[in-house]
């Protein structure tokens, strides 16, 4: 039986694999808090990564700041980070054009996420 539901990438609740073959991409769920003093990962919110953004939620500034931050954290160009859902909301889904294992390694290295 085949389904179109994305497959979980790992035991990380915020991470999954979407698509097949060359169209496959890693999807990351993020919950944002704009207008923070600095951009930083602060933990979890309802199965998504909680990120404070040092950008206002105006004219796409928060999305641009989050794209830049994700690219920098993952060590990839910004054109490999695509907003899939949540352009105007706090809950966002981002596609990363890198293997899920690379994202898992980054997640595992974040002391903020450890229990």
PDB file of N, CA and C in Angstrom:
ATOM      1  N   UNK A   1       0.834  -1.181   0.000  1.00  0.00           N
ATOM      2  CA  UNK A   1       0.000   0.000   0.000  1.00  0.00           C
ATOM      3  C   UNK A   1       0.880   1.246   0.000  1.00  0.00           C
ATOM      4  N   UNK A   2       0.655   2.139  -0.921  1.00  0.00           N
ATOM      5  CA  UNK A   2       1.482   3.332  -1.061  1.00  0.00           C
ATOM      6  C   UNK A   2       0.742   4.558  -0.547  1.00  0.00           C
ATOM      7  N   UNK A   3       1.487   5.414   0.167  1.00  0.00           N
ATOM      8  CA  UNK A   3       0.895   6.663   0.635  1.00  0.00           C
ATOM      9  C   UNK A   3       1.775   7.821   0.189  1.00  0.00           C
ATOM     10  N   UNK A   4       1.198   8.992   0.167  1.00  0.00           N
ATOM     11  CA  UNK A   4       1.945  10.184  -0.199  1.00  0.00           C
ATOM     12  C   UNK A   4       2.456  10.927   1.020  1.00  0.00           C
ATOM     13  N   UNK A   5       2.232  10.389   2.200  1.00  0.00           N
ATOM     14  CA  UNK A   5       2.676  11.054   3.423  1.00  0.00           C
ATOM     15  C   UNK A   5       4.192  11.049   3.498  1.00  0.00           C
ATOM     16  N   UNK A   6       4.781  12.169   3.953  1.00  0.00           N
ATOM     17  CA  UNK A   6       6.238  12.207   4.111  1.00  0.00           C
ATOM     18  C   UNK A   6       6.700  11.181   5.125  1.00  0.00           C
ATOM     19  N   UNK A   7       7.875  10.615   4.898  1.00  0.00           N
ATOM     20  CA  UNK A   7       8.430   9.621   5.808  1.00  0.00           C
ATOM     21  C   UNK A   7       9.240  10.307   6.893  1.00  0.00           C
ATOM     22  N   UNK A   8       9.109   9.850   8.132  1.00  0.00           N
ATOM     23  CA  UNK A   8       9.981  10.420   9.165  1.00  0.00           C
ATOM     24  C   UNK A   8      11.433  10.105   8.815  1.00  0.00           C
ATOM     25  N   UNK A   9      12.311  11.079   9.029  1.00  0.00           N
ATOM     26  CA  UNK A   9      13.715  10.885   8.716  1.00  0.00           C
ATOM     27  C   UNK A   9      14.425  10.186   9.853  1.00  0.00           C
ATOM     28  N   UNK A  10      13.918  10.370  11.065  1.00  0.00           N
ATOM     29  CA  UNK A  10      14.620   9.854  12.226  1.00  0.00           C
ATOM     30  C   UNK A  10      13.725   9.969  13.436  1.00  0.00           C
ATOM     31  N   UNK A  11      14.346   9.854  14.586  1.00  0.00           N
ATOM     32  CA  UNK A  11      13.600  10.004  15.828  1.00  0.00           C
ATOM     33  C   UNK A  11      13.402  11.478  16.189  1.00  0.00           C
ATOM     34  N   UNK A  12      13.956  12.398  15.404  1.00  0.00           N
ATOM     35  CA  UNK A  12      13.745  13.825  15.646  1.00  0.00           C
ATOM     36  C   UNK A  12      12.343  14.198  15.166  1.00  0.00           C
ATOM     37  N   UNK A  13      11.475  14.707  16.036  1.00  0.00           N
ATOM     38  CA  UNK A  13      10.101  15.011  15.630  1.00  0.00           C
ATOM     39  C   UNK A  13       9.986  16.147  14.615  1.00  0.00           C
ATOM     40  N   UNK A  14      10.989  16.988  14.515  1.00  0.00           N
ATOM     41  CA  UNK A  14      10.956  18.156  13.627  1.00  0.00           C
ATOM     42  C   UNK A  14      11.470  17.851  12.222  1.00  0.00           C
ATOM     43  N   UNK A  15      11.913  16.620  11.973  1.00  0.00           N
ATOM     44  CA  UNK A  15      12.631  16.288  10.741  1.00  0.00           C
ATOM     45  C   UNK A  15      11.954  15.144   9.997  1.00  0.00           C
ATOM     46  N   UNK A  16      11.842  15.304   8.661  1.00  0.00           N
ATOM     47  CA  UNK A  16      11.316  14.209   7.839  1.00  0.00           C
ATOM     48  C   UNK A  16      11.836  14.335   6.414  1.00  0.00           C
ATOM     49  N   UNK A  17      11.633  13.261   5.666  1.00  0.00           N
ATOM     50  CA  UNK A  17      12.040  13.205   4.258  1.00  0.00           C
ATOM     51  C   UNK A  17      10.782  13.340   3.413  1.00  0.00           C
ATOM     52  N   UNK A  18      10.852  14.184   2.377  1.00  0.00           N
ATOM     53  CA  UNK A  18       9.728  14.380   1.481  1.00  0.00           C
ATOM     54  C   UNK A  18      10.201  14.097   0.054  1.00  0.00           C
ATOM     55  N   UNK A  19       9.389  13.390  -0.716  1.00  0.00           N
ATOM     56  CA  UNK A  19       9.715  13.105  -2.105  1.00  0.00           C
ATOM     57  C   UNK A  19      10.516  11.824  -2.263  1.00  0.00           C
ATOM     58  N   UNK A  20      10.864  11.530  -3.530  1.00  0.00           N
ATOM     59  CA  UNK A  20      11.602  10.308  -3.846  1.00  0.00           C
ATOM     60  C   UNK A  20      12.708  10.617  -4.837  1.00  0.00           C
ATOM     61  N   UNK A  21      13.734   9.790  -4.815  1.00  0.00           N
ATOM     62  CA  UNK A  21      14.834   9.911  -5.773  1.00  0.00           C
ATOM     63  C   UNK A  21      15.527  11.257  -5.710  1.00  0.00           C
ATOM     64  N   UNK A  22      15.777  11.841  -6.882  1.00  0.00           N
ATOM     65  CA  UNK A  22      16.468  13.131  -6.938  1.00  0.00           C
ATOM     66  C   UNK A  22      15.601  14.274  -6.420  1.00  0.00           C
ATOM     67  N   UNK A  23      14.290  14.078  -6.375  1.00  0.00           N
ATOM     68  CA  UNK A  23      13.378  15.115  -5.876  1.00  0.00           C
ATOM     69  C   UNK A  23      13.255  15.063  -4.348  1.00  0.00           C
ATOM     70  N   UNK A  24      13.955  14.133  -3.727  1.00  0.00           N
ATOM     71  CA  UNK A  24      13.873  13.976  -2.277  1.00  0.00           C
ATOM     72  C   UNK A  24      14.532  15.157  -1.575  1.00  0.00           C
ATOM     73  N   UNK A  25      13.904  15.615  -0.490  1.00  0.00           N
ATOM     74  CA  UNK A  25      14.475  16.706   0.286  1.00  0.00           C
ATOM     75  C   UNK A  25      14.186  16.505   1.765  1.00  0.00           C
ATOM     76  N   UNK A  26      14.976  17.147   2.575  1.00  0.00           N
ATOM     77  CA  UNK A  26      14.840  17.080   4.016  1.00  0.00           C
ATOM     78  C   UNK A  26      13.970  18.250   4.459  1.00  0.00           C
ATOM     79  N   UNK A  27      12.930  17.963   5.248  1.00  0.00           N
ATOM     80  CA  UNK A  27      12.006  19.004   5.696  1.00  0.00           C
ATOM     81  C   UNK A  27      12.150  19.182   7.201  1.00  0.00           C
ATOM     82  N   UNK A  28      12.257  20.451   7.610  1.00  0.00           N
ATOM     83  CA  UNK A  28      12.446  20.807   9.008  1.00  0.00           C
ATOM     84  C   UNK A  28      11.292  21.701   9.449  1.00  0.00           C
ATOM     85  N   UNK A  29      10.641  21.340  10.565  1.00  0.00           N
ATOM     86  CA  UNK A  29       9.566  22.147  11.140  1.00  0.00           C
ATOM     87  C   UNK A  29      10.161  23.095  12.168  1.00  0.00           C
ATOM     88  N   UNK A  30       9.800  24.372  12.044  1.00  0.00           N
ATOM     89  CA  UNK A  30      10.335  25.398  12.940  1.00  0.00           C
ATOM     90  C   UNK A  30       9.216  26.303  13.419  1.00  0.00           C
ATOM     91  N   UNK A  31       9.243  26.609  14.703  1.00  0.00           N
ATOM     92  CA  UNK A  31       8.331  27.580  15.305  1.00  0.00           C
ATOM     93  C   UNK A  31       9.167  28.808  15.653  1.00  0.00           C
ATOM     94  N   UNK A  32       8.753  29.978  15.173  1.00  0.00           N
ATOM     95  CA  UNK A  32       9.559  31.175  15.351  1.00  0.00           C
ATOM     96  C   UNK A  32       8.932  32.182  16.300  1.00  0.00           C
ATOM     97  N   UNK A  33       9.795  32.944  16.952  1.00  0.00           N
ATOM     98  CA  UNK A  33       9.415  34.099  17.764  1.00  0.00           C
ATOM     99  C   UNK A  33      10.200  35.288  17.220  1.00  0.00           C
ATOM    100  N   UNK A  34       9.552  36.175  16.450  1.00  0.00           N
ATOM    101  CA  UNK A  34      10.270  37.322  15.893  1.00  0.00           C
ATOM    102  C   UNK A  34      10.538  38.403  16.941  1.00  0.00           C
ATOM    103  N   UNK A  35      11.300  39.406  16.545  1.00  0.00           N
ATOM    104  CA  UNK A  35      11.620  40.571  17.380  1.00  0.00           C
ATOM    105  C   UNK A  35      12.441  40.236  18.619  1.00  0.00           C
ATOM    106  N   UNK A  36      13.283  39.222  18.543  1.00  0.00           N
ATOM    107  CA  UNK A  36      14.150  38.862  19.666  1.00  0.00           C
ATOM    108  C   UNK A  36      15.422  39.715  19.614  1.00  0.00           C
ATOM    109  N   UNK A  37      16.176  39.699  20.703  1.00  0.00           N
ATOM    110  CA  UNK A  37      17.440  40.447  20.732  1.00  0.00           C
ATOM    111  C   UNK A  37      18.465  39.841  19.795  1.00  0.00           C
ATOM    112  N   UNK A  38      18.463  38.497  19.675  1.00  0.00           N
ATOM    113  CA  UNK A  38      19.372  37.835  18.749  1.00  0.00           C
ATOM    114  C   UNK A  38      18.705  36.578  18.204  1.00  0.00           C
ATOM    115  N   UNK A  39      19.205  36.120  17.055  1.00  0.00           N
ATOM    116  CA  UNK A  39      18.668  34.903  16.449  1.00  0.00           C
ATOM    117  C   UNK A  39      19.360  33.714  17.086  1.00  0.00           C
ATOM    118  N   UNK A  40      18.529  32.800  17.634  1.00  0.00           N
ATOM    119  CA  UNK A  40      19.098  31.639  18.304  1.00  0.00           C
ATOM    120  C   UNK A  40      18.068  30.523  18.430  1.00  0.00           C
ATOM    121  N   UNK A  41      18.574  29.307  18.479  1.00  0.00           N
ATOM    122  CA  UNK A  41      17.770  28.127  18.753  1.00  0.00           C
ATOM    123  C   UNK A  41      17.576  28.050  20.262  1.00  0.00           C
ATOM    124  N   UNK A  42      16.314  27.943  20.705  1.00  0.00           N
ATOM    125  CA  UNK A  42      16.059  27.949  22.146  1.00  0.00           C
ATOM    126  C   UNK A  42      15.424  26.664  22.668  1.00  0.00           C
ATOM    127  N   UNK A  43      15.073  25.720  21.784  1.00  0.00           N
ATOM    128  CA  UNK A  43      14.506  24.460  22.257  1.00  0.00           C
ATOM    129  C   UNK A  43      13.395  23.949  21.360  1.00  0.00           C
ATOM    130  N   UNK A  44      12.365  23.417  21.999  1.00  0.00           N
ATOM    131  CA  UNK A  44      11.253  22.760  21.303  1.00  0.00           C
ATOM    132  C   UNK A  44       9.948  23.508  21.529  1.00  0.00           C
ATOM    133  N   UNK A  45       9.042  23.392  20.556  1.00  0.00           N
ATOM    134  CA  UNK A  45       7.669  23.868  20.715  1.00  0.00           C
ATOM    135  C   UNK A  45       6.775  22.965  19.888  1.00  0.00           C
ATOM    136  N   UNK A  46       6.033  22.111  20.572  1.00  0.00           N
ATOM    137  CA  UNK A  46       5.055  21.240  19.911  1.00  0.00           C
ATOM    138  C   UNK A  46       5.661  20.435  18.753  1.00  0.00           C
ATOM    139  N   UNK A  47       6.816  19.817  18.990  1.00  0.00           N
ATOM    140  CA  UNK A  47       7.455  18.961  17.988  1.00  0.00           C
ATOM    141  C   UNK A  47       8.269  19.693  16.946  1.00  0.00           C
ATOM    142  N   UNK A  48       8.320  21.015  17.046  1.00  0.00           N
ATOM    143  CA  UNK A  48       9.114  21.811  16.103  1.00  0.00           C
ATOM    144  C   UNK A  48      10.265  22.470  16.846  1.00  0.00           C
ATOM    145  N   UNK A  49      11.301  22.820  16.099  1.00  0.00           N
ATOM    146  CA  UNK A  49      12.385  23.586  16.703  1.00  0.00           C
ATOM    147  C   UNK A  49      11.865  24.975  17.033  1.00  0.00           C
ATOM    148  N   UNK A  50      12.231  25.500  18.181  1.00  0.00           N
ATOM    149  CA  UNK A  50      11.841  26.862  18.579  1.00  0.00           C
ATOM    150  C   UNK A  50      13.036  27.775  18.336  1.00  0.00           C
ATOM    151  N   UNK A  51      12.856  28.774  17.454  1.00  0.00           N
ATOM    152  CA  UNK A  51      13.924  29.701  17.106  1.00  0.00           C
ATOM    153  C   UNK A  51      13.445  31.122  17.369  1.00  0.00           C
ATOM    154  N   UNK A  52      14.252  31.870  18.125  1.00  0.00           N
ATOM    155  CA  UNK A  52      14.018  33.302  18.295  1.00  0.00           C
ATOM    156  C   UNK A  52      14.744  34.017  17.166  1.00  0.00           C
ATOM    157  N   UNK A  53      14.049  34.979  16.538  1.00  0.00           N
ATOM    158  CA  UNK A  53      14.614  35.703  15.398  1.00  0.00           C
ATOM    159  C   UNK A  53      14.807  37.175  15.717  1.00  0.00           C
ATOM    160  N   UNK A  54      15.967  37.694  15.399  1.00  0.00           N
ATOM    161  CA  UNK A  54      16.257  39.118  15.562  1.00  0.00           C
ATOM    162  C   UNK A  54      15.806  39.861  14.309  1.00  0.00           C
ATOM    163  N   UNK A  55      14.543  39.702  13.966  1.00  0.00           N
ATOM    164  CA  UNK A  55      13.971  40.363  12.796  1.00  0.00           C
ATOM    165  C   UNK A  55      12.480  40.543  13.039  1.00  0.00           C
ATOM    166  N   UNK A  56      11.904  41.605  12.520  1.00  0.00           N
ATOM    167  CA  UNK A  56      10.465  41.809  12.683  1.00  0.00           C
ATOM    168  C   UNK A  56       9.678  40.961  11.679  1.00  0.00           C
ATOM    169  N   UNK A  57       8.426  40.646  12.010  1.00  0.00           N
ATOM    170  CA  UNK A  57       7.597  39.873  11.073  1.00  0.00           C
ATOM    171  C   UNK A  57       6.941  40.788  10.036  1.00  0.00           C
ATOM    172  N   UNK A  58       7.766  41.584   9.339  1.00  0.00           N
ATOM    173  CA  UNK A  58       7.265  42.575   8.389  1.00  0.00           C
ATOM    174  C   UNK A  58       7.943  42.379   7.030  1.00  0.00           C
ATOM    175  N   UNK A  59       7.152  42.383   5.985  1.00  0.00           N
ATOM    176  CA  UNK A  59       7.670  42.310   4.607  1.00  0.00           C
ATOM    177  C   UNK A  59       8.656  41.165   4.386  1.00  0.00           C
ATOM    178  N   UNK A  60       8.434  40.037   5.014  1.00  0.00           N
ATOM    179  CA  UNK A  60       9.290  38.868   4.806  1.00  0.00           C
ATOM    180  C   UNK A  60      10.632  38.919   5.512  1.00  0.00           C
ATOM    181  N   UNK A  61      10.860  39.920   6.354  1.00  0.00           N
ATOM    182  CA  UNK A  61      12.161  40.068   7.025  1.00  0.00           C
ATOM    183  C   UNK A  61      12.461  38.869   7.922  1.00  0.00           C
ATOM    184  N   UNK A  62      11.456  38.373   8.629  1.00  0.00           N
ATOM    185  CA  UNK A  62      11.676  37.222   9.513  1.00  0.00           C
ATOM    186  C   UNK A  62      12.012  35.974   8.697  1.00  0.00           C
ATOM    187  N   UNK A  63      11.324  35.760   7.591  1.00  0.00           N
ATOM    188  CA  UNK A  63      11.620  34.598   6.740  1.00  0.00           C
ATOM    189  C   UNK A  63      13.019  34.699   6.142  1.00  0.00           C
ATOM    190  N   UNK A  64      13.403  35.890   5.713  1.00  0.00           N
ATOM    191  CA  UNK A  64      14.753  36.079   5.164  1.00  0.00           C
ATOM    192  C   UNK A  64      15.818  35.811   6.228  1.00  0.00           C
ATOM    193  N   UNK A  65      15.572  36.319   7.437  1.00  0.00           N
ATOM    194  CA  UNK A  65      16.529  36.103   8.532  1.00  0.00           C
ATOM    195  C   UNK A  65      16.637  34.624   8.876  1.00  0.00           C
ATOM    196  N   UNK A  66      15.502  33.923   8.873  1.00  0.00           N
ATOM    197  CA  UNK A  66      15.516  32.489   9.192  1.00  0.00           C
ATOM    198  C   UNK A  66      16.214  31.701   8.094  1.00  0.00           C
ATOM    199  N   UNK A  67      16.006  32.055   6.838  1.00  0.00           N
ATOM    200  CA  UNK A  67      16.688  31.378   5.720  1.00  0.00           C
ATOM    201  C   UNK A  67      18.206  31.546   5.859  1.00  0.00           C
ATOM    202  N   UNK A  68      18.647  32.769   6.123  1.00  0.00           N
ATOM    203  CA  UNK A  68      20.079  33.039   6.284  1.00  0.00           C
ATOM    204  C   UNK A  68      20.657  32.263   7.464  1.00  0.00           C
ATOM    205  N   UNK A  69      19.922  32.244   8.570  1.00  0.00           N
ATOM    206  CA  UNK A  69      20.391  31.546   9.774  1.00  0.00           C
ATOM    207  C   UNK A  69      20.500  30.042   9.520  1.00  0.00           C
ATOM    208  N   UNK A  70      19.460  29.458   8.910  1.00  0.00           N
ATOM    209  CA  UNK A  70      19.490  28.023   8.606  1.00  0.00           C
ATOM    210  C   UNK A  70      20.657  27.683   7.678  1.00  0.00           C
ATOM    211  N   UNK A  71      20.840  28.475   6.632  1.00  0.00           N
ATOM    212  CA  UNK A  71      21.937  28.219   5.688  1.00  0.00           C
ATOM    213  C   UNK A  71      23.282  28.282   6.407  1.00  0.00           C
ATOM    214  N   UNK A  72      23.452  29.281   7.251  1.00  0.00           N
ATOM    215  CA  UNK A  72      24.711  29.421   7.986  1.00  0.00           C
ATOM    216  C   UNK A  72      24.922  28.255   8.943  1.00  0.00           C
ATOM    217  N   UNK A  73      23.887  27.881   9.676  1.00  0.00           N
ATOM    218  CA  UNK A  73      23.994  26.777  10.636  1.00  0.00           C
ATOM    219  C   UNK A  73      24.319  25.452   9.946  1.00  0.00           C
ATOM    220  N   UNK A  74      23.730  25.224   8.774  1.00  0.00           N
ATOM    221  CA  UNK A  74      23.924  23.964   8.052  1.00  0.00           C
ATOM    222  C   UNK A  74      25.161  23.995   7.155  1.00  0.00           C
ATOM    223  N   UNK A  75      25.741  25.179   6.965  1.00  0.00           N
ATOM    224  CA  UNK A  75      26.918  25.305   6.108  1.00  0.00           C
ATOM    225  C   UNK A  75      26.609  25.115   4.640  1.00  0.00           C
ATOM    226  N   UNK A  76      25.447  25.633   4.207  1.00  0.00           N
ATOM    227  CA  UNK A  76      25.026  25.504   2.813  1.00  0.00           C
ATOM    228  C   UNK A  76      24.641  26.878   2.263  1.00  0.00           C
ATOM    229  N   UNK A  77      24.599  27.023   0.929  1.00  0.00           N
ATOM    230  CA  UNK A  77      24.143  28.281   0.343  1.00  0.00           C
ATOM    231  C   UNK A  77      22.653  28.505   0.617  1.00  0.00           C
ATOM    232  N   UNK A  78      22.251  29.765   0.658  1.00  0.00           N
ATOM    233  CA  UNK A  78      20.847  30.088   0.927  1.00  0.00           C
ATOM    234  C   UNK A  78      19.895  29.528  -0.118  1.00  0.00           C
ATOM    235  N   UNK A  79      20.364  29.336  -1.349  1.00  0.00           N
ATOM    236  CA  UNK A  79      19.478  28.806  -2.382  1.00  0.00           C
ATOM    237  C   UNK A  79      19.150  27.325  -2.173  1.00  0.00           C
ATOM    238  N   UNK A  80      19.763  26.693  -1.158  1.00  0.00           N
ATOM    239  CA  UNK A  80      19.427  25.306  -0.815  1.00  0.00           C
ATOM    240  C   UNK A  80      18.444  25.240   0.360  1.00  0.00           C
ATOM    241  N   UNK A  81      17.899  26.396   0.747  1.00  0.00           N
ATOM    242  CA  UNK A  81      16.934  26.487   1.839  1.00  0.00           C
ATOM    243  C   UNK A  81      15.668  27.128   1.284  1.00  0.00           C
ATOM    244  N   UNK A  82      14.555  26.376   1.270  1.00  0.00           N
ATOM    245  CA  UNK A  82      13.309  26.835   0.659  1.00  0.00           C
ATOM    246  C   UNK A  82      12.160  26.774   1.651  1.00  0.00           C
ATOM    247  N   UNK A  83      11.412  27.866   1.767  1.00  0.00           N
ATOM    248  CA  UNK A  83      10.227  27.888   2.615  1.00  0.00           C
ATOM    249  C   UNK A  83       9.102  27.152   1.903  1.00  0.00           C
ATOM    250  N   UNK A  84       8.562  26.111   2.547  1.00  0.00           N
ATOM    251  CA  UNK A  84       7.465  25.343   1.957  1.00  0.00           C
ATOM    252  C   UNK A  84       6.108  25.833   2.441  1.00  0.00           C
ATOM    253  N   UNK A  85       5.995  26.059   3.734  1.00  0.00           N
ATOM    254  CA  UNK A  85       4.720  26.467   4.349  1.00  0.00           C
ATOM    255  C   UNK A  85       4.982  27.446   5.485  1.00  0.00           C
ATOM    256  N   UNK A  86       4.002  28.332   5.701  1.00  0.00           N
ATOM    257  CA  UNK A  86       4.065  29.204   6.860  1.00  0.00           C
ATOM    258  C   UNK A  86       4.659  30.573   6.609  1.00  0.00           C
ATOM    259  N   UNK A  87       4.537  31.102   5.396  1.00  0.00           N
ATOM    260  CA  UNK A  87       5.147  32.396   5.075  1.00  0.00           C
ATOM    261  C   UNK A  87       4.700  33.498   6.031  1.00  0.00           C
ATOM    262  N   UNK A  88       3.453  33.451   6.482  1.00  0.00           N
ATOM    263  CA  UNK A  88       2.962  34.524   7.351  1.00  0.00           C
ATOM    264  C   UNK A  88       2.636  34.041   8.762  1.00  0.00           C
ATOM    265  N   UNK A  89       2.965  32.801   9.074  1.00  0.00           N
ATOM    266  CA  UNK A  89       2.668  32.263  10.400  1.00  0.00           C
ATOM    267  C   UNK A  89       3.920  32.029  11.221  1.00  0.00           C
ATOM    268  N   UNK A  90       3.716  31.662  12.457  1.00  0.00           N
ATOM    269  CA  UNK A  90       4.857  31.351  13.341  1.00  0.00           C
ATOM    270  C   UNK A  90       5.397  29.955  13.080  1.00  0.00           C
ATOM    271  N   UNK A  91       4.550  29.041  12.634  1.00  0.00           N
ATOM    272  CA  UNK A  91       4.966  27.664  12.351  1.00  0.00           C
ATOM    273  C   UNK A  91       5.353  27.569  10.886  1.00  0.00           C
ATOM    274  N   UNK A  92       6.569  27.122  10.610  1.00  0.00           N
ATOM    275  CA  UNK A  92       7.088  27.089   9.248  1.00  0.00           C
ATOM    276  C   UNK A  92       7.682  25.724   8.913  1.00  0.00           C
ATOM    277  N   UNK A  93       7.650  25.381   7.649  1.00  0.00           N
ATOM    278  CA  UNK A  93       8.314  24.180   7.154  1.00  0.00           C
ATOM    279  C   UNK A  93       9.321  24.614   6.094  1.00  0.00           C
ATOM    280  N   UNK A  94      10.565  24.183   6.301  1.00  0.00           N
ATOM    281  CA  UNK A  94      11.660  24.533   5.398  1.00  0.00           C
ATOM    282  C   UNK A  94      12.225  23.275   4.761  1.00  0.00           C
ATOM    283  N   UNK A  95      12.448  23.321   3.450  1.00  0.00           N
ATOM    284  CA  UNK A  95      13.110  22.228   2.734  1.00  0.00           C
ATOM    285  C   UNK A  95      14.590  22.567   2.627  1.00  0.00           C
ATOM    286  N   UNK A  96      15.418  21.591   2.963  1.00  0.00           N
ATOM    287  CA  UNK A  96      16.869  21.752   2.883  1.00  0.00           C
ATOM    288  C   UNK A  96      17.393  20.751   1.861  1.00  0.00           C
ATOM    289  N   UNK A  97      18.147  21.239   0.904  1.00  0.00           N
ATOM    290  CA  UNK A  97      18.695  20.376  -0.145  1.00  0.00           C
ATOM    291  C   UNK A  97      20.008  19.742   0.309  1.00  0.00           C
ATOM    292  N   UNK A  98      19.930  19.011   1.425  1.00  0.00           N
ATOM    293  CA  UNK A  98      21.065  18.278   1.969  1.00  0.00           C
ATOM    294  C   UNK A  98      20.537  16.970   2.537  1.00  0.00           C
ATOM    295  N   UNK A  99      21.405  15.978   2.717  1.00  0.00           N
ATOM    296  CA  UNK A  99      20.947  14.703   3.280  1.00  0.00           C
ATOM    297  C   UNK A  99      20.430  14.866   4.709  1.00  0.00           C
ATOM    298  N   UNK A 100      19.434  14.075   5.047  1.00  0.00           N
ATOM    299  CA  UNK A 100      18.861  14.119   6.392  1.00  0.00           C
ATOM    300  C   UNK A 100      19.919  13.830   7.451  1.00  0.00           C
ATOM    301  N   UNK A 101      20.900  13.003   7.119  1.00  0.00           N
ATOM    302  CA  UNK A 101      21.957  12.672   8.083  1.00  0.00           C
ATOM    303  C   UNK A 101      22.746  13.913   8.500  1.00  0.00           C
ATOM    304  N   UNK A 102      22.923  14.834   7.571  1.00  0.00           N
ATOM    305  CA  UNK A 102      23.638  16.081   7.881  1.00  0.00           C
ATOM    306  C   UNK A 102      22.818  16.928   8.870  1.00  0.00           C
ATOM    307  N   UNK A 103      21.510  16.979   8.661  1.00  0.00           N
ATOM    308  CA  UNK A 103      20.632  17.734   9.562  1.00  0.00           C
ATOM    309  C   UNK A 103      20.565  17.038  10.922  1.00  0.00           C
ATOM    310  N   UNK A 104      20.493  15.703  10.922  1.00  0.00           N
ATOM    311  CA  UNK A 104      20.484  14.956  12.188  1.00  0.00           C
ATOM    312  C   UNK A 104      21.751  15.229  12.994  1.00  0.00           C
ATOM    313  N   UNK A 105      22.892  15.282  12.323  1.00  0.00           N
ATOM    314  CA  UNK A 105      24.153  15.549  13.014  1.00  0.00           C
ATOM    315  C   UNK A 105      24.136  16.951  13.624  1.00  0.00           C
ATOM    316  N   UNK A 106      23.579  17.914  12.890  1.00  0.00           N
ATOM    317  CA  UNK A 106      23.478  19.274  13.418  1.00  0.00           C
ATOM    318  C   UNK A 106      22.551  19.298  14.636  1.00  0.00           C
ATOM    319  N   UNK A 107      21.408  18.628  14.525  1.00  0.00           N
ATOM    320  CA  UNK A 107      20.466  18.577  15.651  1.00  0.00           C
ATOM    321  C   UNK A 107      21.114  17.956  16.883  1.00  0.00           C
ATOM    322  N   UNK A 108      21.844  16.859  16.673  1.00  0.00           N
ATOM    323  CA  UNK A 108      22.491  16.161  17.788  1.00  0.00           C
ATOM    324  C   UNK A 108      23.564  17.031  18.450  1.00  0.00           C
ATOM    325  N   UNK A 109      24.136  17.966  17.699  1.00  0.00           N
ATOM    326  CA  UNK A 109      25.186  18.823  18.254  1.00  0.00           C
ATOM    327  C   UNK A 109      24.641  20.023  19.040  1.00  0.00           C
ATOM    328  N   UNK A 110      23.336  20.226  18.998  1.00  0.00           N
ATOM    329  CA  UNK A 110      22.735  21.372  19.675  1.00  0.00           C
ATOM    330  C   UNK A 110      22.430  21.037  21.137  1.00  0.00           C
ATOM    331  N   UNK A 111      23.208  21.576  22.035  1.00  0.00           N
ATOM    332  CA  UNK A 111      23.023  21.278  23.464  1.00  0.00           C
ATOM    333  C   UNK A 111      21.673  21.757  23.976  1.00  0.00           C
ATOM    334  N   UNK A 112      21.113  22.771  23.367  1.00  0.00           N
ATOM    335  CA  UNK A 112      19.793  23.290  23.745  1.00  0.00           C
ATOM    336  C   UNK A 112      18.710  22.234  23.600  1.00  0.00           C
ATOM    337  N   UNK A 113      18.896  21.276  22.696  1.00  0.00           N
ATOM    338  CA  UNK A 113      17.863  20.275  22.412  1.00  0.00           C
ATOM    339  C   UNK A 113      17.997  19.017  23.258  1.00  0.00           C
ATOM    340  N   UNK A 114      19.073  18.901  24.025  1.00  0.00           N
ATOM    341  CA  UNK A 114      19.300  17.692  24.812  1.00  0.00           C
ATOM    342  C   UNK A 114      18.440  17.718  26.066  1.00  0.00           C
ATOM    343  N   UNK A 115      17.961  16.565  26.457  1.00  0.00           N
ATOM    344  CA  UNK A 115      17.113  16.473  27.651  1.00  0.00           C
ATOM    345  C   UNK A 115      17.929  16.533  28.908  1.00  0.00           C
TER     346      UNK A 115
END
